[in-house]
Amino acid sequence: MATDIPPAWLAELADHSALVADPDGRALVLSEMALAASRRQDISNQQLSDMLEFAEAARLWALLEHEQLGCE
């Protein structure tokens, strides 16, 4: 459930302008943050899985937005 995900990670996920500006880079940051939280045992394996899925979904959304805005 999204409420179980660390607020700092959710704030990064919500930074739409950064996602659109660099979809791959921001998804990598989100993934690294999730993996770091897992290594610290701040989140469960299920939360890690959810966070990685959200990061990929955000990347795909941002790529579409990036394309629609005509960014290079």
C-alpha atoms as a PDB file:
ATOM      1  CA  MET A   1       0.000   0.000   0.000  1.00  0.00           C
ATOM      2  CA  ALA A   2       1.317   3.439  -0.914  1.00  0.00           C
ATOM      3  CA  THR A   3       0.950   4.767   2.637  1.00  0.00           C
ATOM      4  CA  ASP A   4       3.592   2.259   3.769  1.00  0.00           C
ATOM      5  CA  ILE A   5       6.145   3.673   1.345  1.00  0.00           C
ATOM      6  CA  PRO A   6       8.659   6.158   2.804  1.00  0.00           C
ATOM      7  CA  PRO A   7       7.476   9.771   2.398  1.00  0.00           C
ATOM      8  CA  ALA A   8      10.836  10.947   1.003  1.00  0.00           C
ATOM      9  CA  TRP A   9      10.584   8.381  -1.781  1.00  0.00           C
ATOM     10  CA  LEU A  10       6.998   9.399  -2.534  1.00  0.00           C
ATOM     11  CA  ALA A  11       8.115  13.032  -2.741  1.00  0.00           C
ATOM     12  CA  GLU A  12      10.712  12.073  -5.357  1.00  0.00           C
ATOM     13  CA  LEU A  13       8.086  10.116  -7.259  1.00  0.00           C
ATOM     14  CA  ALA A  14       5.783  13.142  -7.225  1.00  0.00           C
ATOM     15  CA  ASP A  15       8.399  15.435  -8.809  1.00  0.00           C
ATOM     16  CA  HIS A  16       6.819  15.314 -12.250  1.00  0.00           C
ATOM     17  CA  SER A  17       9.004  18.006 -13.797  1.00  0.00           C
ATOM     18  CA  ALA A  18      12.178  16.107 -12.895  1.00  0.00           C
ATOM     19  CA  LEU A  19      10.685  12.876 -14.234  1.00  0.00           C
ATOM     20  CA  VAL A  20       9.770  14.454 -17.564  1.00  0.00           C
ATOM     21  CA  ALA A  21      13.146  16.171 -17.874  1.00  0.00           C
ATOM     22  CA  ASP A  22      15.085  12.909 -17.325  1.00  0.00           C
ATOM     23  CA  PRO A  23      12.826   9.828 -17.255  1.00  0.00           C
ATOM     24  CA  ASP A  24      15.598   7.231 -17.171  1.00  0.00           C
ATOM     25  CA  GLY A  25      17.761   9.108 -14.692  1.00  0.00           C
ATOM     26  CA  ARG A  26      14.935   9.793 -12.262  1.00  0.00           C
ATOM     27  CA  ALA A  27      13.718   6.181 -12.458  1.00  0.00           C
ATOM     28  CA  LEU A  28      17.250   5.087 -11.622  1.00  0.00           C
ATOM     29  CA  VAL A  29      17.309   7.422  -8.610  1.00  0.00           C
ATOM     30  CA  LEU A  30      13.950   6.060  -7.433  1.00  0.00           C
ATOM     31  CA  SER A  31      15.149   2.489  -7.837  1.00  0.00           C
ATOM     32  CA  GLU A  32      18.398   3.183  -5.976  1.00  0.00           C
ATOM     33  CA  MET A  33      16.482   4.857  -3.150  1.00  0.00           C
ATOM     34  CA  ALA A  34      14.188   1.826  -2.907  1.00  0.00           C
ATOM     35  CA  LEU A  35      17.100  -0.597  -2.863  1.00  0.00           C
ATOM     36  CA  ALA A  36      18.880   1.453  -0.201  1.00  0.00           C
ATOM     37  CA  ALA A  37      15.742   1.446   1.964  1.00  0.00           C
ATOM     38  CA  SER A  38      15.552  -2.324   1.549  1.00  0.00           C
ATOM     39  CA  ARG A  39      19.214  -2.796   2.520  1.00  0.00           C
ATOM     40  CA  ARG A  40      18.564  -0.713   5.649  1.00  0.00           C
ATOM     41  CA  GLN A  41      15.521  -2.936   6.290  1.00  0.00           C
ATOM     42  CA  ASP A  42      13.291   0.142   6.364  1.00  0.00           C
ATOM     43  CA  ILE A  43      10.837  -1.565   3.998  1.00  0.00           C
ATOM     44  CA  SER A  44       9.600  -5.086   3.355  1.00  0.00           C
ATOM     45  CA  ASN A  45      10.266  -7.126   0.239  1.00  0.00           C
ATOM     46  CA  GLN A  46       6.689  -6.411  -0.888  1.00  0.00           C
ATOM     47  CA  GLN A  47       7.225  -2.677  -0.452  1.00  0.00           C
ATOM     48  CA  LEU A  48      10.467  -2.920  -2.432  1.00  0.00           C
ATOM     49  CA  SER A  49       8.640  -4.709  -5.219  1.00  0.00           C
ATOM     50  CA  ASP A  50       5.901  -2.077  -5.243  1.00  0.00           C
ATOM     51  CA  MET A  51       8.403   0.773  -5.254  1.00  0.00           C
ATOM     52  CA  LEU A  52      10.368  -0.708  -8.154  1.00  0.00           C
ATOM     53  CA  GLU A  53       7.134  -1.200 -10.104  1.00  0.00           C
ATOM     54  CA  PHE A  54       6.102   2.392  -9.381  1.00  0.00           C
ATOM     55  CA  ALA A  55       9.524   3.622 -10.516  1.00  0.00           C
ATOM     56  CA  GLU A  56       9.158   1.789 -13.833  1.00  0.00           C
ATOM     57  CA  ALA A  57       5.593   3.017 -14.294  1.00  0.00           C
ATOM     58  CA  ALA A  58       6.755   6.571 -13.596  1.00  0.00           C
ATOM     59  CA  ARG A  59       9.546   6.176 -16.147  1.00  0.00           C
ATOM     60  CA  LEU A  60       7.112   5.005 -18.813  1.00  0.00           C
ATOM     61  CA  TRP A  61       4.678   7.825 -17.996  1.00  0.00           C
ATOM     62  CA  ALA A  62       7.485  10.373 -18.151  1.00  0.00           C
ATOM     63  CA  LEU A  63       8.715   9.049 -21.498  1.00  0.00           C
ATOM     64  CA  LEU A  64       5.223   9.543 -22.929  1.00  0.00           C
ATOM     65  CA  GLU A  65       4.976  13.038 -21.431  1.00  0.00           C
ATOM     66  CA  HIS A  66       8.447  13.856 -22.712  1.00  0.00           C
ATOM     67  CA  GLU A  67       7.420  12.755 -26.211  1.00  0.00           C
ATOM     68  CA  GLN A  68       4.126  14.662 -26.134  1.00  0.00           C
ATOM     69  CA  LEU A  69       5.877  17.846 -25.062  1.00  0.00           C
ATOM     70  CA  GLY A  70       8.306  17.510 -27.948  1.00  0.00           C
ATOM     71  CA  CYS A  71      11.352  17.436 -25.706  1.00  0.00           C
ATOM     72  CA  GLU A  72      14.603  16.279 -27.244  1.00  0.00           C
END
